[in-house]
Structure formats: C-alpha cells, structure tokens
Amino acid sequence: MTAPLEPASTDPGARPRRPDAVSIATELWVVVILGQLIAFIGQYPSLRETWDQQVGALPADTPQEELDLLTSSVTLIVVLGLLALALTVASGAAVLLTRNGYNWARLVVAAMGVFIAVNLMFSLFGDVQPTWVMVPLVISGVAALGGSVLLLRRESEQYCRDMTAHRRRPSGPPNPPQQGPPWGGGNGQQHGPAPWTYGGGQHSGGHQTHPDRPRSNEGNESRGES
C-alpha cells in the first residue's frame, strides 16, 4: 500500500518547494569543488615548473630583486592560494544562489559544469602530472556533468520561475478589512449612539422625551402671567 501524497500548499504567499533535482545538483557541486581543490593542490609541482618557465622568459634587463621575488616559493603559493580562494568563493556563491531559486545563477552553474566536463575530456588525453590527480578530476567532472543535467531539467527551471514570482510578491501583512461608520451601517443596525436631535427628538442614551413636560419658554410665560 502506497503512502498518500501530501497535498500541495494552497497558501499563495508560501515559499515554493525546492525540487529534488535542484537539491541533488547543489549537493553534487560540493563534490565538484572539493575535487577541483584537491586536483589543484596536487598539481603544484607541474604548476611550479610552468611558473619557472614563465619567469625565465623575462627580459635579461629585469632587476634581480624582481626575479628573486618571482622565483620565491612563497610568491607562487600566495598567488595560487588567492586564485583557489576566488574560484571557490565564486563557485560556492553561485551554487547557493541557485539553491535559492535564482535563474541566472542556475544557468551559470550549469555552464560551469559543462566546462569542467569538457576540460576533463581533454585531460584524459593529456599528460597530467602526477597521475593520481586524475582521480579527483574524474570524480569532480562526472559530478559537474550530472549537476548540469539536473539543473537543466524542466522542474529546476519552473522552481526558479516560481521563486522569482515569490520574491516579487509583497511581503507585508494583508490589510485588515475596513469597518463601516459607527452608525448607519449597511445591515441597518446602529453601532453607536445617535447624535442629538434638537426640537424634541431622541438623544444619545436612548431616553425618550416627555411631551407633557413644558418647555423652557412656556414656563417663563406662565410665571409672567401669574
């Protein structure tokens, strides 16, 4: 017996439910980032050799102090560390924005995944040193390709569209229903005391007038006649 499906939320202001495709794709990108970092660190010897070749190609009149700075291991480590940090922060920010339903970030992350997968294909036919670096490269490349496929699915695109509409919706509380005037409502009932009516009419509080009670001027006339 299958479990009953949960009914969809009917609240128009509720946050759209994140599909499994987006959740799995963003989780795969954790594997992608870690794999790329491990491969980047493992390629330090080959990167060091390439760096030294570039420094050796500098003009002969380059000052010795500048050459010493460029050939220092600390300089190369700082440059590679800053590059790795910038790429990691940019990739992580794009993945978080994708998880929160930003459509442009979804397209950027999907394109990055395709680029990593294509780069992996060239690396398979290239000379990557050391050889063990291919292990994290292959793992991260497969995860990136899988994430791109999931992010390009229809439910992922629909989720981003729904999130865009949700963010554009005003977040303030709904306006309370407007009440009618204190008296003379539409239902014919009196909600407050009626105003004074001069000339013998009713006044607030519901007291009735007495027709046999003499008015103020009539009392003065009777006293004058007496």
C-alpha atoms as a PDB file:
ATOM      1  CA  MET A   1       0.000   0.000   0.000  1.00  0.00           C
ATOM      2  CA  THR A   2       1.477   3.302  -1.036  1.00  0.00           C
ATOM      3  CA  ALA A   3       1.619   6.288   1.270  1.00  0.00           C
ATOM      4  CA  PRO A   4      -0.798   9.115   0.469  1.00  0.00           C
ATOM      5  CA  LEU A   5       0.632  12.069  -1.285  1.00  0.00           C
ATOM      6  CA  GLU A   6       0.885  15.284   0.666  1.00  0.00           C
ATOM      7  CA  PRO A   7      -1.438  17.964  -0.681  1.00  0.00           C
ATOM      8  CA  ALA A   8       0.176  20.979  -2.240  1.00  0.00           C
ATOM      9  CA  SER A   9       0.161  24.169  -0.241  1.00  0.00           C
ATOM     10  CA  THR A  10      -2.749  26.440  -1.113  1.00  0.00           C
ATOM     11  CA  ASP A  11      -1.249  29.476   0.595  1.00  0.00           C
ATOM     12  CA  PRO A  12      -0.422  31.972  -2.187  1.00  0.00           C
ATOM     13  CA  GLY A  13       2.347  33.502  -0.063  1.00  0.00           C
ATOM     14  CA  ALA A  14       4.092  30.222   0.754  1.00  0.00           C
ATOM     15  CA  ARG A  15       7.645  29.611  -0.441  1.00  0.00           C
ATOM     16  CA  PRO A  16       7.788  27.260  -3.456  1.00  0.00           C
ATOM     17  CA  ARG A  17       9.009  23.768  -2.671  1.00  0.00           C
ATOM     18  CA  ARG A  18      12.556  23.061  -3.860  1.00  0.00           C
ATOM     19  CA  PRO A  19      12.575  20.086  -6.257  1.00  0.00           C
ATOM     20  CA  ASP A  20      14.892  17.152  -5.711  1.00  0.00           C
ATOM     21  CA  ALA A  21      16.748  17.944  -8.931  1.00  0.00           C
ATOM     22  CA  VAL A  22      17.961  21.291  -7.567  1.00  0.00           C
ATOM     23  CA  SER A  23      18.812  19.834  -4.149  1.00  0.00           C
ATOM     24  CA  ILE A  24      20.838  16.964  -5.613  1.00  0.00           C
ATOM     25  CA  ALA A  25      22.585  19.216  -8.143  1.00  0.00           C
ATOM     26  CA  THR A  26      23.748  21.678  -5.488  1.00  0.00           C
ATOM     27  CA  GLU A  27      24.933  18.808  -3.281  1.00  0.00           C
ATOM     28  CA  LEU A  28      26.894  17.367  -6.197  1.00  0.00           C
ATOM     29  CA  TRP A  29      28.653  20.690  -6.524  1.00  0.00           C
ATOM     30  CA  VAL A  30      30.163  20.203  -3.073  1.00  0.00           C
ATOM     31  CA  VAL A  31      31.916  17.165  -4.560  1.00  0.00           C
ATOM     32  CA  VAL A  32      32.923  19.230  -7.595  1.00  0.00           C
ATOM     33  CA  ILE A  33      34.525  21.989  -5.523  1.00  0.00           C
ATOM     34  CA  LEU A  34      36.381  19.590  -3.240  1.00  0.00           C
ATOM     35  CA  GLY A  35      37.631  17.516  -6.169  1.00  0.00           C
ATOM     36  CA  GLN A  36      38.870  20.534  -8.052  1.00  0.00           C
ATOM     37  CA  LEU A  37      40.656  21.853  -4.962  1.00  0.00           C
ATOM     38  CA  ILE A  38      42.414  18.531  -4.360  1.00  0.00           C
ATOM     39  CA  ALA A  39      43.479  18.314  -8.003  1.00  0.00           C
ATOM     40  CA  PHE A  40      44.643  21.931  -7.959  1.00  0.00           C
ATOM     41  CA  ILE A  41      46.834  21.334  -4.910  1.00  0.00           C
ATOM     42  CA  GLY A  42      48.139  18.062  -6.335  1.00  0.00           C
ATOM     43  CA  GLN A  43      49.281  19.808  -9.500  1.00  0.00           C
ATOM     44  CA  TYR A  44      51.582  22.160  -7.617  1.00  0.00           C
ATOM     45  CA  PRO A  45      54.834  20.592  -8.972  1.00  0.00           C
ATOM     46  CA  SER A  46      53.726  20.980 -12.589  1.00  0.00           C
ATOM     47  CA  LEU A  47      52.428  24.480 -11.884  1.00  0.00           C
ATOM     48  CA  ARG A  48      55.742  25.332 -10.299  1.00  0.00           C
ATOM     49  CA  GLU A  49      57.599  24.172 -13.391  1.00  0.00           C
ATOM     50  CA  THR A  50      55.349  26.235 -15.656  1.00  0.00           C
ATOM     51  CA  TRP A  51      55.834  29.278 -13.406  1.00  0.00           C
ATOM     52  CA  ASP A  52      59.614  28.972 -13.561  1.00  0.00           C
ATOM     53  CA  GLN A  53      59.482  28.759 -17.333  1.00  0.00           C
ATOM     54  CA  GLN A  54      57.472  31.971 -17.489  1.00  0.00           C
ATOM     55  CA  VAL A  55      59.900  33.731 -15.157  1.00  0.00           C
ATOM     56  CA  GLY A  56      62.860  32.507 -17.227  1.00  0.00           C
ATOM     57  CA  ALA A  57      61.311  34.059 -20.341  1.00  0.00           C
ATOM     58  CA  LEU A  58      61.515  37.561 -18.848  1.00  0.00           C
ATOM     59  CA  PRO A  59      63.882  40.111 -20.465  1.00  0.00           C
ATOM     60  CA  ALA A  60      67.539  39.974 -19.478  1.00  0.00           C
ATOM     61  CA  ASP A  61      67.473  43.501 -18.010  1.00  0.00           C
ATOM     62  CA  THR A  62      64.884  42.502 -15.367  1.00  0.00           C
ATOM     63  CA  PRO A  63      66.125  43.596 -11.901  1.00  0.00           C
ATOM     64  CA  GLN A  64      67.477  40.823  -9.729  1.00  0.00           C
ATOM     65  CA  GLU A  65      65.193  41.781  -6.850  1.00  0.00           C
ATOM     66  CA  GLU A  66      62.148  41.218  -9.051  1.00  0.00           C
ATOM     67  CA  LEU A  67      63.491  37.868 -10.224  1.00  0.00           C
ATOM     68  CA  ASP A  68      64.114  36.781  -6.649  1.00  0.00           C
ATOM     69  CA  LEU A  69      60.566  37.733  -5.721  1.00  0.00           C
ATOM     70  CA  LEU A  70      59.036  35.882  -8.658  1.00  0.00           C
ATOM     71  CA  THR A  71      61.094  32.748  -8.160  1.00  0.00           C
ATOM     72  CA  SER A  72      60.241  32.561  -4.464  1.00  0.00           C
ATOM     73  CA  SER A  73      58.011  29.664  -3.420  1.00  0.00           C
ATOM     74  CA  VAL A  74      56.060  31.956  -1.130  1.00  0.00           C
ATOM     75  CA  THR A  75      55.045  34.153  -4.055  1.00  0.00           C
ATOM     76  CA  LEU A  76      53.745  31.207  -6.049  1.00  0.00           C
ATOM     77  CA  ILE A  77      51.887  29.749  -3.076  1.00  0.00           C
ATOM     78  CA  VAL A  78      50.216  33.104  -2.353  1.00  0.00           C
ATOM     79  CA  VAL A  79      49.181  33.552  -5.985  1.00  0.00           C
ATOM     80  CA  LEU A  80      47.786  30.031  -6.254  1.00  0.00           C
ATOM     81  CA  GLY A  81      46.053  30.346  -2.889  1.00  0.00           C
ATOM     82  CA  LEU A  82      44.325  33.577  -3.862  1.00  0.00           C
ATOM     83  CA  LEU A  83      43.271  32.079  -7.179  1.00  0.00           C
ATOM     84  CA  ALA A  84      41.874  28.965  -5.496  1.00  0.00           C
ATOM     85  CA  LEU A  85      40.058  31.073  -2.902  1.00  0.00           C
ATOM     86  CA  ALA A  86      38.490  33.336  -5.527  1.00  0.00           C
ATOM     87  CA  LEU A  87      37.282  30.390  -7.611  1.00  0.00           C
ATOM     88  CA  THR A  88      35.918  28.592  -4.554  1.00  0.00           C
ATOM     89  CA  VAL A  89      34.025  31.637  -3.262  1.00  0.00           C
ATOM     90  CA  ALA A  90      32.588  32.426  -6.695  1.00  0.00           C
ATOM     91  CA  SER A  91      31.500  28.833  -7.272  1.00  0.00           C
ATOM     92  CA  GLY A  92      30.023  28.496  -3.784  1.00  0.00           C
ATOM     93  CA  ALA A  93      28.091  31.760  -4.110  1.00  0.00           C
ATOM     94  CA  ALA A  94      26.657  30.722  -7.479  1.00  0.00           C
ATOM     95  CA  VAL A  95      25.594  27.341  -6.047  1.00  0.00           C
ATOM     96  CA  LEU A  96      23.892  28.962  -3.043  1.00  0.00           C
ATOM     97  CA  LEU A  97      22.045  31.403  -5.279  1.00  0.00           C
ATOM     98  CA  THR A  98      20.947  28.503  -7.461  1.00  0.00           C
ATOM     99  CA  ARG A  99      19.637  26.675  -4.412  1.00  0.00           C
ATOM    100  CA  ASN A 100      17.624  29.787  -3.511  1.00  0.00           C
ATOM    101  CA  GLY A 101      15.996  29.891  -6.937  1.00  0.00           C
ATOM    102  CA  TYR A 102      17.925  32.497  -8.964  1.00  0.00           C
ATOM    103  CA  ASN A 103      17.575  31.533 -12.606  1.00  0.00           C
ATOM    104  CA  TRP A 104      20.712  33.321 -13.856  1.00  0.00           C
ATOM    105  CA  ALA A 105      22.786  31.511 -11.227  1.00  0.00           C
ATOM    106  CA  ARG A 106      21.279  28.192 -12.336  1.00  0.00           C
ATOM    107  CA  LEU A 107      22.419  28.835 -15.906  1.00  0.00           C
ATOM    108  CA  VAL A 108      25.893  29.909 -14.762  1.00  0.00           C
ATOM    109  CA  VAL A 109      26.376  26.785 -12.627  1.00  0.00           C
ATOM    110  CA  ALA A 110      25.113  24.558 -15.431  1.00  0.00           C
ATOM    111  CA  ALA A 111      27.574  26.176 -17.871  1.00  0.00           C
ATOM    112  CA  MET A 112      30.423  25.756 -15.365  1.00  0.00           C
ATOM    113  CA  GLY A 113      29.589  22.075 -15.074  1.00  0.00           C
ATOM    114  CA  VAL A 114      29.709  21.608 -18.831  1.00  0.00           C
ATOM    115  CA  PHE A 115      33.064  23.431 -18.959  1.00  0.00           C
ATOM    116  CA  ILE A 116      34.549  21.172 -16.266  1.00  0.00           C
ATOM    117  CA  ALA A 117      33.270  18.076 -18.068  1.00  0.00           C
ATOM    118  CA  VAL A 118      34.799  19.204 -21.383  1.00  0.00           C
ATOM    119  CA  ASN A 119      38.062  20.054 -19.642  1.00  0.00           C
ATOM    120  CA  LEU A 120      38.068  16.548 -18.179  1.00  0.00           C
ATOM    121  CA  MET A 121      37.843  15.051 -21.657  1.00  0.00           C
ATOM    122  CA  PHE A 122      40.978  16.965 -22.722  1.00  0.00           C
ATOM    123  CA  SER A 123      42.756  15.942 -19.531  1.00  0.00           C
ATOM    124  CA  LEU A 124      42.121  12.260 -20.247  1.00  0.00           C
ATOM    125  CA  PHE A 125      44.115  12.546 -23.467  1.00  0.00           C
ATOM    126  CA  GLY A 126      46.733  14.877 -21.998  1.00  0.00           C
ATOM    127  CA  ASP A 127      49.759  14.458 -19.764  1.00  0.00           C
ATOM    128  CA  VAL A 128      48.587  15.266 -16.257  1.00  0.00           C
ATOM    129  CA  GLN A 129      51.220  15.024 -13.548  1.00  0.00           C
ATOM    130  CA  PRO A 130      51.115  13.439 -11.071  1.00  0.00           C
ATOM    131  CA  THR A 131      48.909  10.622 -12.329  1.00  0.00           C
ATOM    132  CA  TRP A 132      46.814  10.302  -9.152  1.00  0.00           C
ATOM    133  CA  VAL A 133      45.412  13.775  -9.798  1.00  0.00           C
ATOM    134  CA  MET A 134      43.185  12.222 -12.446  1.00  0.00           C
ATOM    135  CA  VAL A 135      41.126  10.535  -9.711  1.00  0.00           C
ATOM    136  CA  PRO A 136      39.658  13.731  -8.187  1.00  0.00           C
ATOM    137  CA  LEU A 137      39.449  15.262 -11.661  1.00  0.00           C
ATOM    138  CA  VAL A 138      37.298  12.393 -12.935  1.00  0.00           C
ATOM    139  CA  ILE A 139      35.085  12.390  -9.840  1.00  0.00           C
ATOM    140  CA  SER A 140      34.514  16.134  -9.947  1.00  0.00           C
ATOM    141  CA  GLY A 141      33.974  16.098 -13.720  1.00  0.00           C
ATOM    142  CA  VAL A 142      31.282  13.415 -13.521  1.00  0.00           C
ATOM    143  CA  ALA A 143      29.583  15.222 -10.616  1.00  0.00           C
ATOM    144  CA  ALA A 144      29.662  18.508 -12.538  1.00  0.00           C
ATOM    145  CA  LEU A 145      28.096  16.909 -15.611  1.00  0.00           C
ATOM    146  CA  GLY A 146      25.377  15.293 -13.511  1.00  0.00           C
ATOM    147  CA  GLY A 147      24.657  18.591 -11.799  1.00  0.00           C
ATOM    148  CA  SER A 148      24.324  20.369 -15.142  1.00  0.00           C
ATOM    149  CA  VAL A 149      21.855  17.767 -16.396  1.00  0.00           C
ATOM    150  CA  LEU A 150      19.727  18.149 -13.259  1.00  0.00           C
ATOM    151  CA  LEU A 151      19.791  21.942 -13.374  1.00  0.00           C
ATOM    152  CA  LEU A 152      18.628  21.961 -16.987  1.00  0.00           C
ATOM    153  CA  ARG A 153      15.551  19.886 -16.236  1.00  0.00           C
ATOM    154  CA  ARG A 154      12.099  21.408 -16.510  1.00  0.00           C
ATOM    155  CA  GLU A 155      11.317  21.245 -12.785  1.00  0.00           C
ATOM    156  CA  SER A 156      14.509  23.169 -11.992  1.00  0.00           C
ATOM    157  CA  GLU A 157      13.564  25.947 -14.382  1.00  0.00           C
ATOM    158  CA  GLN A 158       9.992  26.055 -13.043  1.00  0.00           C
ATOM    159  CA  TYR A 159      11.302  26.285  -9.474  1.00  0.00           C
ATOM    160  CA  CYS A 160      13.417  29.314 -10.367  1.00  0.00           C
ATOM    161  CA  ARG A 161      10.465  30.968 -12.072  1.00  0.00           C
ATOM    162  CA  ASP A 162       8.253  30.345  -9.047  1.00  0.00           C
ATOM    163  CA  MET A 163      10.920  31.729  -6.715  1.00  0.00           C
ATOM    164  CA  THR A 164      11.223  34.850  -8.864  1.00  0.00           C
ATOM    165  CA  ALA A 165       7.475  35.416  -8.591  1.00  0.00           C
ATOM    166  CA  HIS A 166       7.642  34.713  -4.845  1.00  0.00           C
ATOM    167  CA  ARG A 167      10.359  37.329  -4.309  1.00  0.00           C
ATOM    168  CA  ARG A 168       8.392  39.933  -6.283  1.00  0.00           C
ATOM    169  CA  ARG A 169       5.298  39.345  -4.185  1.00  0.00           C
ATOM    170  CA  PRO A 170       4.900  41.969  -1.409  1.00  0.00           C
ATOM    171  CA  SER A 171       5.884  40.550   1.954  1.00  0.00           C
ATOM    172  CA  GLY A 172       3.824  42.899   4.154  1.00  0.00           C
ATOM    173  CA  PRO A 173       0.833  41.658   6.201  1.00  0.00           C
ATOM    174  CA  PRO A 174      -2.550  41.765   4.482  1.00  0.00           C
ATOM    175  CA  ASN A 175      -4.630  44.872   5.057  1.00  0.00           C
ATOM    176  CA  PRO A 176      -7.364  44.414   7.709  1.00  0.00           C
ATOM    177  CA  PRO A 177     -10.939  44.588   6.458  1.00  0.00           C
ATOM    178  CA  GLN A 178     -12.295  48.105   6.572  1.00  0.00           C
ATOM    179  CA  GLN A 179     -15.112  48.651   9.037  1.00  0.00           C
ATOM    180  CA  GLY A 180     -18.151  50.728   8.331  1.00  0.00           C
ATOM    181  CA  PRO A 181     -19.084  54.010  10.036  1.00  0.00           C
ATOM    182  CA  PRO A 182     -20.014  53.892  13.723  1.00  0.00           C
ATOM    183  CA  TRP A 183     -23.685  54.312  12.865  1.00  0.00           C
ATOM    184  CA  GLY A 184     -25.818  53.780   9.828  1.00  0.00           C
ATOM    185  CA  GLY A 185     -24.129  50.526   8.772  1.00  0.00           C
ATOM    186  CA  GLY A 186     -25.158  48.617   5.725  1.00  0.00           C
ATOM    187  CA  ASN A 187     -27.032  45.992   7.784  1.00  0.00           C
ATOM    188  CA  GLY A 188     -29.420  48.581   9.202  1.00  0.00           C
ATOM    189  CA  GLN A 189     -28.180  48.188  12.796  1.00  0.00           C
ATOM    190  CA  GLN A 190     -26.973  51.136  14.838  1.00  0.00           C
ATOM    191  CA  HIS A 191     -23.405  50.548  16.122  1.00  0.00           C
ATOM    192  CA  GLY A 192     -23.109  53.693  18.247  1.00  0.00           C
ATOM    193  CA  PRO A 193     -25.139  56.387  19.935  1.00  0.00           C
ATOM    194  CA  ALA A 194     -27.178  58.526  17.625  1.00  0.00           C
ATOM    195  CA  PRO A 195     -26.440  62.255  17.550  1.00  0.00           C
ATOM    196  CA  TRP A 196     -28.574  64.773  19.426  1.00  0.00           C
ATOM    197  CA  THR A 197     -31.715  65.768  17.653  1.00  0.00           C
ATOM    198  CA  TYR A 198     -32.915  69.185  18.601  1.00  0.00           C
ATOM    199  CA  GLY A 199     -36.511  70.145  18.782  1.00  0.00           C
ATOM    200  CA  GLY A 200     -37.903  67.289  20.854  1.00  0.00           C
ATOM    201  CA  GLY A 201     -36.246  64.342  19.100  1.00  0.00           C
ATOM    202  CA  GLN A 202     -34.291  61.492  20.620  1.00  0.00           C
ATOM    203  CA  HIS A 203     -30.806  61.948  22.014  1.00  0.00           C
ATOM    204  CA  SER A 204     -27.954  59.583  22.830  1.00  0.00           C
ATOM    205  CA  GLY A 205     -28.559  57.062  25.542  1.00  0.00           C
ATOM    206  CA  GLY A 206     -31.961  56.034  24.256  1.00  0.00           C
ATOM    207  CA  HIS A 207     -34.017  58.346  26.666  1.00  0.00           C
ATOM    208  CA  GLN A 208     -37.434  59.282  25.393  1.00  0.00           C
ATOM    209  CA  THR A 209     -38.809  62.816  25.506  1.00  0.00           C
ATOM    210  CA  HIS A 210     -41.914  63.640  27.553  1.00  0.00           C
ATOM    211  CA  PRO A 211     -44.458  65.617  25.549  1.00  0.00           C
ATOM    212  CA  ASP A 212     -46.308  66.775  28.683  1.00  0.00           C
ATOM    213  CA  ARG A 213     -43.231  68.472  30.145  1.00  0.00           C
ATOM    214  CA  PRO A 214     -43.349  72.225  29.485  1.00  0.00           C
ATOM    215  CA  ARG A 215     -40.617  73.812  27.511  1.00  0.00           C
ATOM    216  CA  SER A 216     -38.360  76.479  28.946  1.00  0.00           C
ATOM    217  CA  ASN A 217     -40.122  79.399  27.255  1.00  0.00           C
ATOM    218  CA  GLU A 218     -43.536  78.111  28.155  1.00  0.00           C
ATOM    219  CA  GLY A 219     -42.522  78.011  31.824  1.00  0.00           C
ATOM    220  CA  ASN A 220     -41.373  81.640  31.670  1.00  0.00           C
ATOM    221  CA  GLU A 221     -44.685  82.753  30.158  1.00  0.00           C
ATOM    222  CA  SER A 222     -46.712  81.006  32.847  1.00  0.00           C
ATOM    223  CA  ARG A 223     -44.672  82.666  35.570  1.00  0.00           C
ATOM    224  CA  GLY A 224     -45.156  86.087  33.956  1.00  0.00           C
ATOM    225  CA  GLU A 225     -48.920  85.697  33.815  1.00  0.00           C
ATOM    226  CA  SER A 226     -49.080  84.731  37.452  1.00  0.00           C
END
